[in-house]
Amino acid sequence: MRLKQELRNVKTSIEIAKSGESEVTNIDIMRRLSQLEKIVYANAMKESKVTEEETEEKEDKKEEKKDK
């Protein structure tokens, strides 16, 4: 009887540990996703700024050519 009770306790402890791990895993995944989104959006913002600057430079060159 004592061994059966101990076995039940161990099984319960394992289930609790597993559920705790999945929560930590989910939190870790969310943190990683958040970090990746920050990187992606930061790169997208940099690229859009570069594109805007290139467009402005092209427009400036066109205007200079028209002025000549």
PDB file of N, CA and C in Angstrom:
ATOM      1  N   MET A   1       0.828  -1.197   0.000  1.00  0.00           N
ATOM      2  CA  MET A   1       0.000   0.000   0.000  1.00  0.00           C
ATOM      3  C   MET A   1       0.872   1.260   0.000  1.00  0.00           C
ATOM      4  N   ARG A   2       1.915   1.223   0.802  1.00  0.00           N
ATOM      5  CA  ARG A   2       2.816   2.368   0.894  1.00  0.00           C
ATOM      6  C   ARG A   2       3.484   2.630  -0.443  1.00  0.00           C
ATOM      7  N   LEU A   3       3.910   1.567  -1.128  1.00  0.00           N
ATOM      8  CA  LEU A   3       4.555   1.718  -2.430  1.00  0.00           C
ATOM      9  C   LEU A   3       3.584   2.248  -3.476  1.00  0.00           C
ATOM     10  N   LYS A   4       2.341   1.775  -3.426  1.00  0.00           N
ATOM     11  CA  LYS A   4       1.342   2.275  -4.364  1.00  0.00           C
ATOM     12  C   LYS A   4       1.110   3.774  -4.166  1.00  0.00           C
ATOM     13  N   GLN A   5       1.027   4.176  -2.915  1.00  0.00           N
ATOM     14  CA  GLN A   5       0.834   5.605  -2.614  1.00  0.00           C
ATOM     15  C   GLN A   5       2.034   6.410  -3.099  1.00  0.00           C
ATOM     16  N   GLU A   6       3.212   5.895  -2.871  1.00  0.00           N
ATOM     17  CA  GLU A   6       4.423   6.581  -3.315  1.00  0.00           C
ATOM     18  C   GLU A   6       4.455   6.680  -4.836  1.00  0.00           C
ATOM     19  N   LEU A   7       4.030   5.617  -5.520  1.00  0.00           N
ATOM     20  CA  LEU A   7       3.970   5.625  -6.973  1.00  0.00           C
ATOM     21  C   LEU A   7       2.993   6.693  -7.465  1.00  0.00           C
ATOM     22  N   ARG A   8       1.836   6.801  -6.833  1.00  0.00           N
ATOM     23  CA  ARG A   8       0.864   7.834  -7.196  1.00  0.00           C
ATOM     24  C   ARG A   8       1.447   9.231  -7.003  1.00  0.00           C
ATOM     25  N   ASN A   9       2.144   9.406  -5.894  1.00  0.00           N
ATOM     26  CA  ASN A   9       2.762  10.705  -5.612  1.00  0.00           C
ATOM     27  C   ASN A   9       3.804  11.064  -6.672  1.00  0.00           C
ATOM     28  N   VAL A  10       4.583  10.085  -7.054  1.00  0.00           N
ATOM     29  CA  VAL A  10       5.609  10.322  -8.073  1.00  0.00           C
ATOM     30  C   VAL A  10       4.963  10.660  -9.420  1.00  0.00           C
ATOM     31  N   LYS A  11       3.915   9.934  -9.789  1.00  0.00           N
ATOM     32  CA  LYS A  11       3.210  10.215 -11.041  1.00  0.00           C
ATOM     33  C   LYS A  11       2.628  11.627 -11.025  1.00  0.00           C
ATOM     34  N   THR A  12       2.044  11.990  -9.895  1.00  0.00           N
ATOM     35  CA  THR A  12       1.486  13.336  -9.773  1.00  0.00           C
ATOM     36  C   THR A  12       2.586  14.383  -9.900  1.00  0.00           C
ATOM     37  N   SER A  13       3.703  14.129  -9.261  1.00  0.00           N
ATOM     38  CA  SER A  13       4.828  15.060  -9.346  1.00  0.00           C
ATOM     39  C   SER A  13       5.330  15.191 -10.776  1.00  0.00           C
ATOM     40  N   ILE A  14       5.372  14.097 -11.492  1.00  0.00           N
ATOM     41  CA  ILE A  14       5.821  14.115 -12.897  1.00  0.00           C
ATOM     42  C   ILE A  14       4.859  14.940 -13.744  1.00  0.00           C
ATOM     43  N   GLU A  15       3.566  14.761 -13.541  1.00  0.00           N
ATOM     44  CA  GLU A  15       2.577  15.524 -14.303  1.00  0.00           C
ATOM     45  C   GLU A  15       2.685  17.019 -14.026  1.00  0.00           C
ATOM     46  N   ILE A  16       2.884  17.348 -12.759  1.00  0.00           N
ATOM     47  CA  ILE A  16       3.045  18.758 -12.391  1.00  0.00           C
ATOM     48  C   ILE A  16       4.294  19.331 -13.044  1.00  0.00           C
ATOM     49  N   ALA A  17       5.369  18.578 -13.008  1.00  0.00           N
ATOM     50  CA  ALA A  17       6.618  19.037 -13.612  1.00  0.00           C
ATOM     51  C   ALA A  17       6.459  19.220 -15.120  1.00  0.00           C
ATOM     52  N   LYS A  18       5.773  18.282 -15.763  1.00  0.00           N
ATOM     53  CA  LYS A  18       5.561  18.391 -17.206  1.00  0.00           C
ATOM     54  C   LYS A  18       4.718  19.613 -17.546  1.00  0.00           C
ATOM     55  N   SER A  19       3.667  19.853 -16.795  1.00  0.00           N
ATOM     56  CA  SER A  19       2.820  21.006 -17.078  1.00  0.00           C
ATOM     57  C   SER A  19       3.590  22.300 -16.841  1.00  0.00           C
ATOM     58  N   GLY A  20       4.439  22.304 -15.836  1.00  0.00           N
ATOM     59  CA  GLY A  20       5.274  23.470 -15.573  1.00  0.00           C
ATOM     60  C   GLY A  20       6.258  23.719 -16.688  1.00  0.00           C
ATOM     61  N   GLU A  21       6.815  22.655 -17.261  1.00  0.00           N
ATOM     62  CA  GLU A  21       7.758  22.787 -18.359  1.00  0.00           C
ATOM     63  C   GLU A  21       7.077  23.354 -19.591  1.00  0.00           C
ATOM     64  N   SER A  22       5.859  22.910 -19.875  1.00  0.00           N
ATOM     65  CA  SER A  22       5.166  23.402 -21.061  1.00  0.00           C
ATOM     66  C   SER A  22       4.861  24.886 -20.931  1.00  0.00           C
ATOM     67  N   GLU A  23       4.543  25.340 -19.720  1.00  0.00           N
ATOM     68  CA  GLU A  23       4.304  26.760 -19.517  1.00  0.00           C
ATOM     69  C   GLU A  23       5.578  27.545 -19.743  1.00  0.00           C
ATOM     70  N   VAL A  24       6.672  27.064 -19.216  1.00  0.00           N
ATOM     71  CA  VAL A  24       7.952  27.726 -19.414  1.00  0.00           C
ATOM     72  C   VAL A  24       8.302  27.709 -20.890  1.00  0.00           C
ATOM     73  N   THR A  25       8.055  26.592 -21.539  1.00  0.00           N
ATOM     74  CA  THR A  25       8.342  26.488 -22.955  1.00  0.00           C
ATOM     75  C   THR A  25       7.502  27.490 -23.739  1.00  0.00           C
ATOM     76  N   ASN A  26       6.230  27.606 -23.418  1.00  0.00           N
ATOM     77  CA  ASN A  26       5.377  28.572 -24.105  1.00  0.00           C
ATOM     78  C   ASN A  26       5.853  30.000 -23.877  1.00  0.00           C
ATOM     79  N   ILE A  27       6.244  30.295 -22.665  1.00  0.00           N
ATOM     80  CA  ILE A  27       6.758  31.630 -22.364  1.00  0.00           C
ATOM     81  C   ILE A  27       8.046  31.877 -23.138  1.00  0.00           C
ATOM     82  N   ASP A  28       8.923  30.888 -23.163  1.00  0.00           N
ATOM     83  CA  ASP A  28      10.159  31.023 -23.916  1.00  0.00           C
ATOM     84  C   ASP A  28       9.893  31.246 -25.401  1.00  0.00           C
ATOM     85  N   ILE A  29       8.941  30.512 -25.933  1.00  0.00           N
ATOM     86  CA  ILE A  29       8.589  30.668 -27.345  1.00  0.00           C
ATOM     87  C   ILE A  29       8.064  32.072 -27.609  1.00  0.00           C
ATOM     88  N   MET A  30       7.229  32.572 -26.726  1.00  0.00           N
ATOM     89  CA  MET A  30       6.685  33.915 -26.900  1.00  0.00           C
ATOM     90  C   MET A  30       7.793  34.967 -26.830  1.00  0.00           C
ATOM     91  N   ARG A  31       8.734  34.781 -25.930  1.00  0.00           N
ATOM     92  CA  ARG A  31       9.864  35.721 -25.830  1.00  0.00           C
ATOM     93  C   ARG A  31      10.694  35.692 -27.102  1.00  0.00           C
ATOM     94  N   ARG A  32      10.986  34.501 -27.575  1.00  0.00           N
ATOM     95  CA  ARG A  32      11.773  34.373 -28.806  1.00  0.00           C
ATOM     96  C   ARG A  32      11.047  35.002 -29.981  1.00  0.00           C
ATOM     97  N   LEU A  33       9.753  34.760 -30.077  1.00  0.00           N
ATOM     98  CA  LEU A  33       8.955  35.335 -31.156  1.00  0.00           C
ATOM     99  C   LEU A  33       8.977  36.855 -31.080  1.00  0.00           C
ATOM    100  N   SER A  34       8.849  37.375 -29.887  1.00  0.00           N
ATOM    101  CA  SER A  34       8.872  38.821 -29.696  1.00  0.00           C
ATOM    102  C   SER A  34      10.210  39.403 -30.147  1.00  0.00           C
ATOM    103  N   GLN A  35      11.294  38.745 -29.776  1.00  0.00           N
ATOM    104  CA  GLN A  35      12.619  39.215 -30.183  1.00  0.00           C
ATOM    105  C   GLN A  35      12.779  39.168 -31.699  1.00  0.00           C
ATOM    106  N   LEU A  36      12.306  38.099 -32.307  1.00  0.00           N
ATOM    107  CA  LEU A  36      12.394  37.989 -33.760  1.00  0.00           C
ATOM    108  C   LEU A  36      11.566  39.066 -34.456  1.00  0.00           C
ATOM    109  N   GLU A  37      10.387  39.339 -33.921  1.00  0.00           N
ATOM    110  CA  GLU A  37       9.556  40.391 -34.507  1.00  0.00           C
ATOM    111  C   GLU A  37      10.251  41.738 -34.420  1.00  0.00           C
ATOM    112  N   LYS A  38      10.883  42.018 -33.297  1.00  0.00           N
ATOM    113  CA  LYS A  38      11.606  43.280 -33.155  1.00  0.00           C
ATOM    114  C   LYS A  38      12.700  43.381 -34.205  1.00  0.00           C
ATOM    115  N   ILE A  39      13.429  42.290 -34.415  1.00  0.00           N
ATOM    116  CA  ILE A  39      14.511  42.288 -35.401  1.00  0.00           C
ATOM    117  C   ILE A  39      13.955  42.490 -36.807  1.00  0.00           C
ATOM    118  N   VAL A  40      12.908  41.744 -37.128  1.00  0.00           N
ATOM    119  CA  VAL A  40      12.320  41.829 -38.471  1.00  0.00           C
ATOM    120  C   VAL A  40      11.770  43.231 -38.728  1.00  0.00           C
ATOM    121  N   TYR A  41      11.011  43.767 -37.788  1.00  0.00           N
ATOM    122  CA  TYR A  41      10.439  45.090 -37.990  1.00  0.00           C
ATOM    123  C   TYR A  41      11.516  46.165 -38.022  1.00  0.00           C
ATOM    124  N   ALA A  42      12.558  46.011 -37.227  1.00  0.00           N
ATOM    125  CA  ALA A  42      13.656  46.973 -37.261  1.00  0.00           C
ATOM    126  C   ALA A  42      14.325  46.949 -38.634  1.00  0.00           C
ATOM    127  N   ASN A  43      14.555  45.748 -39.169  1.00  0.00           N
ATOM    128  CA  ASN A  43      15.161  45.637 -40.495  1.00  0.00           C
ATOM    129  C   ASN A  43      14.234  46.203 -41.562  1.00  0.00           C
ATOM    130  N   ALA A  44      12.950  45.947 -41.438  1.00  0.00           N
ATOM    131  CA  ALA A  44      11.983  46.467 -42.407  1.00  0.00           C
ATOM    132  C   ALA A  44      11.970  47.995 -42.374  1.00  0.00           C
ATOM    133  N   MET A  45      12.050  48.561 -41.192  1.00  0.00           N
ATOM    134  CA  MET A  45      12.070  50.015 -41.068  1.00  0.00           C
ATOM    135  C   MET A  45      13.332  50.588 -41.691  1.00  0.00           C
ATOM    136  N   LYS A  46      14.467  49.931 -41.464  1.00  0.00           N
ATOM    137  CA  LYS A  46      15.721  50.389 -42.061  1.00  0.00           C
ATOM    138  C   LYS A  46      15.636  50.332 -43.576  1.00  0.00           C
ATOM    139  N   GLU A  47      15.097  49.235 -44.104  1.00  0.00           N
ATOM    140  CA  GLU A  47      14.981  49.083 -45.549  1.00  0.00           C
ATOM    141  C   GLU A  47      14.049  50.128 -46.136  1.00  0.00           C
ATOM    142  N   SER A  48      12.954  50.418 -45.447  1.00  0.00           N
ATOM    143  CA  SER A  48      12.022  51.425 -45.970  1.00  0.00           C
ATOM    144  C   SER A  48      12.669  52.802 -45.958  1.00  0.00           C
ATOM    145  N   LYS A  49      13.480  53.092 -44.945  1.00  0.00           N
ATOM    146  CA  LYS A  49      14.181  54.374 -44.902  1.00  0.00           C
ATOM    147  C   LYS A  49      15.177  54.456 -46.041  1.00  0.00           C
ATOM    148  N   VAL A  50      15.902  53.370 -46.297  1.00  0.00           N
ATOM    149  CA  VAL A  50      16.864  53.347 -47.394  1.00  0.00           C
ATOM    150  C   VAL A  50      16.139  53.554 -48.714  1.00  0.00           C
ATOM    151  N   THR A  51      15.015  52.887 -48.880  1.00  0.00           N
ATOM    152  CA  THR A  51      14.235  53.021 -50.109  1.00  0.00           C
ATOM    153  C   THR A  51      13.743  54.457 -50.275  1.00  0.00           C
ATOM    154  N   GLU A  52      13.290  55.069 -49.218  1.00  0.00           N
ATOM    155  CA  GLU A  52      12.840  56.458 -49.270  1.00  0.00           C
ATOM    156  C   GLU A  52      13.990  57.378 -49.660  1.00  0.00           C
ATOM    157  N   GLU A  53      15.157  57.141 -49.055  1.00  0.00           N
ATOM    158  CA  GLU A  53      16.319  57.970 -49.365  1.00  0.00           C
ATOM    159  C   GLU A  53      16.738  57.798 -50.817  1.00  0.00           C
ATOM    160  N   GLU A  54      16.722  56.557 -51.309  1.00  0.00           N
ATOM    161  CA  GLU A  54      17.082  56.302 -52.704  1.00  0.00           C
ATOM    162  C   GLU A  54      16.105  56.997 -53.639  1.00  0.00           C
ATOM    163  N   THR A  55      14.829  56.945 -53.313  1.00  0.00           N
ATOM    164  CA  THR A  55      13.811  57.590 -54.127  1.00  0.00           C
ATOM    165  C   THR A  55      14.027  59.091 -54.151  1.00  0.00           C
ATOM    166  N   GLU A  56      14.312  59.655 -52.999  1.00  0.00           N
ATOM    167  CA  GLU A  56      14.566  61.097 -52.925  1.00  0.00           C
ATOM    168  C   GLU A  56      15.791  61.472 -53.739  1.00  0.00           C
ATOM    169  N   GLU A  57      16.848  60.670 -53.657  1.00  0.00           N
ATOM    170  CA  GLU A  57      18.062  60.950 -54.428  1.00  0.00           C
ATOM    171  C   GLU A  57      17.780  60.895 -55.920  1.00  0.00           C
ATOM    172  N   LYS A  58      17.010  59.898 -56.355  1.00  0.00           N
ATOM    173  CA  LYS A  58      16.674  59.779 -57.774  1.00  0.00           C
ATOM    174  C   LYS A  58      15.864  60.983 -58.245  1.00  0.00           C
ATOM    175  N   GLU A  59      14.923  61.405 -57.408  1.00  0.00           N
ATOM    176  CA  GLU A  59      14.115  62.565 -57.759  1.00  0.00           C
ATOM    177  C   GLU A  59      14.972  63.814 -57.844  1.00  0.00           C
ATOM    178  N   ASP A  60      15.912  63.959 -56.906  1.00  0.00           N
ATOM    179  CA  ASP A  60      16.811  65.109 -56.928  1.00  0.00           C
ATOM    180  C   ASP A  60      17.650  65.107 -58.205  1.00  0.00           C
ATOM    181  N   LYS A  61      18.142  63.959 -58.611  1.00  0.00           N
ATOM    182  CA  LYS A  61      18.955  63.869 -59.824  1.00  0.00           C
ATOM    183  C   LYS A  61      18.125  64.218 -61.051  1.00  0.00           C
ATOM    184  N   LYS A  62      16.876  63.759 -61.082  1.00  0.00           N
ATOM    185  CA  LYS A  62      15.989  64.067 -62.205  1.00  0.00           C
ATOM    186  C   LYS A  62      15.762  65.572 -62.290  1.00  0.00           C
ATOM    187  N   GLU A  63      15.544  66.201 -61.148  1.00  0.00           N
ATOM    188  CA  GLU A  63      15.323  67.649 -61.123  1.00  0.00           C
ATOM    189  C   GLU A  63      16.565  68.393 -61.589  1.00  0.00           C
ATOM    190  N   GLU A  64      17.751  67.897 -61.165  1.00  0.00           N
ATOM    191  CA  GLU A  64      18.993  68.536 -61.588  1.00  0.00           C
ATOM    192  C   GLU A  64      19.161  68.429 -63.090  1.00  0.00           C
ATOM    193  N   LYS A  65      18.830  67.280 -63.648  1.00  0.00           N
ATOM    194  CA  LYS A  65      18.938  67.099 -65.093  1.00  0.00           C
ATOM    195  C   LYS A  65      17.970  68.018 -65.835  1.00  0.00           C
ATOM    196  N   LYS A  66      16.762  68.202 -65.288  1.00  0.00           N
ATOM    197  CA  LYS A  66      15.776  69.079 -65.904  1.00  0.00           C
ATOM    198  C   LYS A  66      16.263  70.528 -65.873  1.00  0.00           C
ATOM    199  N   ASP A  67      16.909  70.886 -64.783  1.00  0.00           N
ATOM    200  CA  ASP A  67      17.388  72.263 -64.627  1.00  0.00           C
ATOM    201  C   ASP A  67      18.508  72.571 -65.624  1.00  0.00           C
ATOM    202  N   LYS A  68      19.260  71.586 -66.025  1.00  0.00           N
ATOM    203  CA  LYS A  68      20.383  71.807 -66.954  1.00  0.00           C
ATOM    204  C   LYS A  68      19.832  71.994 -68.311  1.00  0.00           C
TER     205      LYS A  68
END
